[in-house]
C-alpha atoms as a PDB file:
ATOM      1  CA  MET A   1     -17.729   8.909  -8.317  1.00  0.00           C
ATOM      2  CA  GLY A   2     -17.291   5.993  -5.997  1.00  0.00           C
ATOM      3  CA  MET A   3     -13.897   4.401  -4.591  1.00  0.00           C
ATOM      4  CA  SER A   4     -12.014   2.206  -6.173  1.00  0.00           C
ATOM      5  CA  LYS A   5      -9.951  -0.890  -5.755  1.00  0.00           C
ATOM      6  CA  LYS A   6      -6.995   1.621  -5.771  1.00  0.00           C
ATOM      7  CA  HIS A   7      -8.635   4.113  -2.855  1.00  0.00           C
ATOM      8  CA  PHE A   8      -9.435   0.553  -1.137  1.00  0.00           C
ATOM      9  CA  ILE A   9      -6.163  -0.836  -0.852  1.00  0.00           C
ATOM     10  CA  GLY A  10      -4.579   2.848  -0.071  1.00  0.00           C
ATOM     11  CA  LEU A  11      -7.051   2.812   2.958  1.00  0.00           C
ATOM     12  CA  ALA A  12      -6.194  -0.895   3.996  1.00  0.00           C
ATOM     13  CA  ASP A  13      -2.249  -0.123   3.601  1.00  0.00           C
ATOM     14  CA  ALA A  14      -2.905   2.971   5.909  1.00  0.00           C
ATOM     15  CA  ILE A  15      -4.716   0.796   8.410  1.00  0.00           C
ATOM     16  CA  ARG A  16      -1.941  -1.989   8.283  1.00  0.00           C
ATOM     17  CA  GLN A  17       0.486   0.720   8.983  1.00  0.00           C
ATOM     18  CA  HIS A  18      -1.424   2.144  12.187  1.00  0.00           C
ATOM     19  CA  GLN A  19      -2.070  -1.640  13.377  1.00  0.00           C
ATOM     20  CA  ARG A  20       1.910  -2.155  13.014  1.00  0.00           C
ATOM     21  CA  ALA A  21       2.528   1.106  15.099  1.00  0.00           C
ATOM     22  CA  ALA A  22      -0.149   0.278  17.519  1.00  0.00           C
ATOM     23  CA  ALA A  23       1.358  -3.466  18.513  1.00  0.00           C
ATOM     24  CA  ALA A  24       4.821  -1.550  19.200  1.00  0.00           C
ATOM     25  CA  SER A  25       3.716   1.376  21.289  1.00  0.00           C
ATOM     26  CA  GLN A  26       0.630   2.270  23.277  1.00  0.00           C
ATOM     27  CA  ALA A  27      -1.314   3.000  20.567  1.00  0.00           C
ATOM     28  CA  ASN A  28      -5.024   2.157  19.884  1.00  0.00           C
ATOM     29  CA  PRO A  29      -5.492  -0.309  17.429  1.00  0.00           C
ATOM     30  CA  PHE A  30      -8.462  -0.419  15.048  1.00  0.00           C
ATOM     31  CA  GLU A  31     -10.848  -2.728  16.495  1.00  0.00           C
ATOM     32  CA  ASP A  32     -13.012  -5.172  14.531  1.00  0.00           C
ATOM     33  CA  ASP A  33     -16.310  -3.046  15.004  1.00  0.00           C
ATOM     34  CA  HIS A  34     -14.137  -0.256  13.543  1.00  0.00           C
ATOM     35  CA  LEU A  35     -13.312  -2.372  10.594  1.00  0.00           C
ATOM     36  CA  GLN A  36     -17.282  -3.651  10.058  1.00  0.00           C
ATOM     37  CA  MET A  37     -17.886  -0.177  10.006  1.00  0.00           C
ATOM     38  CA  LEU A  38     -15.910   0.888   7.311  1.00  0.00           C
ATOM     39  CA  GLU A  39     -16.347  -2.264   5.375  1.00  0.00           C
ATOM     40  CA  ARG A  40     -20.283  -1.526   5.220  1.00  0.00           C
ATOM     41  CA  TRP A  41     -19.396   1.858   3.605  1.00  0.00           C
ATOM     42  CA  MET A  42     -16.856   0.880   1.188  1.00  0.00           C
ATOM     43  CA  ARG A  43     -19.771  -1.586   0.166  1.00  0.00           C
ATOM     44  CA  SER A  44     -22.191   1.421   0.178  1.00  0.00           C
ATOM     45  CA  GLU A  45     -19.478   3.248  -2.601  1.00  0.00           C
ATOM     46  CA  ASN A  46     -18.514   0.354  -4.730  1.00  0.00           C
ATOM     47  CA  PRO A  47     -20.672  -2.550  -4.981  1.00  0.00           C
ATOM     48  CA  ASN A  48     -17.373  -4.393  -6.520  1.00  0.00           C
ATOM     49  CA  PHE A  49     -16.359  -4.512  -2.914  1.00  0.00           C
ATOM     50  CA  ASN A  50     -14.756  -7.598  -1.342  1.00  0.00           C
ATOM     51  CA  GLN A  51     -14.727  -7.559   2.070  1.00  0.00           C
ATOM     52  CA  GLY A  52     -13.096 -11.032   2.480  1.00  0.00           C
ATOM     53  CA  ARG A  53     -10.213  -9.936   0.460  1.00  0.00           C
ATOM     54  CA  TRP A  54      -9.652  -6.385   2.000  1.00  0.00           C
ATOM     55  CA  ARG A  55     -10.125  -7.791   5.341  1.00  0.00           C
ATOM     56  CA  GLY A  56      -7.666 -10.559   4.829  1.00  0.00           C
ATOM     57  CA  TYR A  57      -4.750  -7.721   3.158  1.00  0.00           C
ATOM     58  CA  VAL A  58      -5.503  -5.287   6.772  1.00  0.00           C
ATOM     59  CA  GLU A  59      -4.441  -8.315   8.556  1.00  0.00           C
ATOM     60  CA  GLY A  60      -1.686  -9.713   6.282  1.00  0.00           C
ATOM     61  CA  ARG A  61      -3.031 -12.908   5.557  1.00  0.00           C
ATOM     62  CA  CYS A  62      -2.905 -12.310   1.668  1.00  0.00           C
ATOM     63  CA  GLY A  63      -1.598  -9.652  -0.560  1.00  0.00           C
ATOM     64  CA  PRO A  64      -3.601  -6.384  -2.009  1.00  0.00           C
ATOM     65  CA  SER A  65      -5.380  -8.182  -4.919  1.00  0.00           C
ATOM     66  CA  GLY A  66      -6.150 -11.449  -2.524  1.00  0.00           C
ATOM     67  CA  GLY A  67      -2.863 -13.361  -3.595  1.00  0.00           C
ATOM     68  CA  ASP A  68      -0.899 -15.358  -1.492  1.00  0.00           C
ATOM     69  CA  LEU A  69       2.174 -13.802   0.350  1.00  0.00           C
ATOM     70  CA  THR A  70       4.313 -16.541  -0.261  1.00  0.00           C
ATOM     71  CA  PRO A  71       7.320 -15.813  -1.854  1.00  0.00           C
ATOM     72  CA  PRO A  72       7.364 -17.035  -5.651  1.00  0.00           C
ATOM     73  CA  ARG A  73       9.688 -19.715  -6.764  1.00  0.00           C
ATOM     74  CA  ALA A  74      13.262 -19.649  -8.443  1.00  0.00           C
ATOM     75  CA  VAL A  75      12.472 -19.995 -12.130  1.00  0.00           C
ATOM     76  CA  SER A  76      15.371 -21.923 -13.648  1.00  0.00           C
ATOM     77  CA  GLU A  77      17.169 -21.401 -16.691  1.00  0.00           C
ATOM     78  CA  LEU A  78      15.110 -24.208 -18.570  1.00  0.00           C
ATOM     79  CA  GLU A  79      11.991 -23.086 -17.779  1.00  0.00           C
ATOM     80  CA  LYS A  80      12.939 -19.447 -19.315  1.00  0.00           C
ATOM     81  CA  ALA A  81      13.849 -20.995 -22.481  1.00  0.00           C
ATOM     82  CA  VAL A  82      11.292 -23.319 -22.520  1.00  0.00           C
ATOM     83  CA  ARG A  83       8.538 -20.007 -22.251  1.00  0.00           C
ATOM     84  CA  ARG A  84      10.981 -18.180 -24.897  1.00  0.00           C
ATOM     85  CA  VAL A  85      10.428 -20.818 -27.414  1.00  0.00           C
ATOM     86  CA  ARG A  86       6.733 -21.293 -26.778  1.00  0.00           C
ATOM     87  CA  ARG A  87       6.039 -17.229 -26.736  1.00  0.00           C
ATOM     88  CA  ARG A  88       8.154 -17.136 -30.152  1.00  0.00           C
ATOM     89  CA  ALA A  89       5.582 -20.235 -31.278  1.00  0.00           C
ATOM     90  CA  THR A  90       2.719 -18.450 -30.960  1.00  0.00           C
END
């Protein structure tokens, strides 16, 4: 069985953690050619692998599913009430 999205996220989390530690010390960070080699291998393991999304997450440009990192806006009490009414209506 090939690797799943869960495995790819776990690997990206480990790389992100290493990159942060390397930036704070004298450790060697993952270089672009290392990441490219991993991306080629992951593509061979799972044809649904999304290289751009994975790299964006490793580099901190997006969340693990490719979503924005912007914090969600606060939902007003009125909006919550409207949503409850709409859910009941369906």
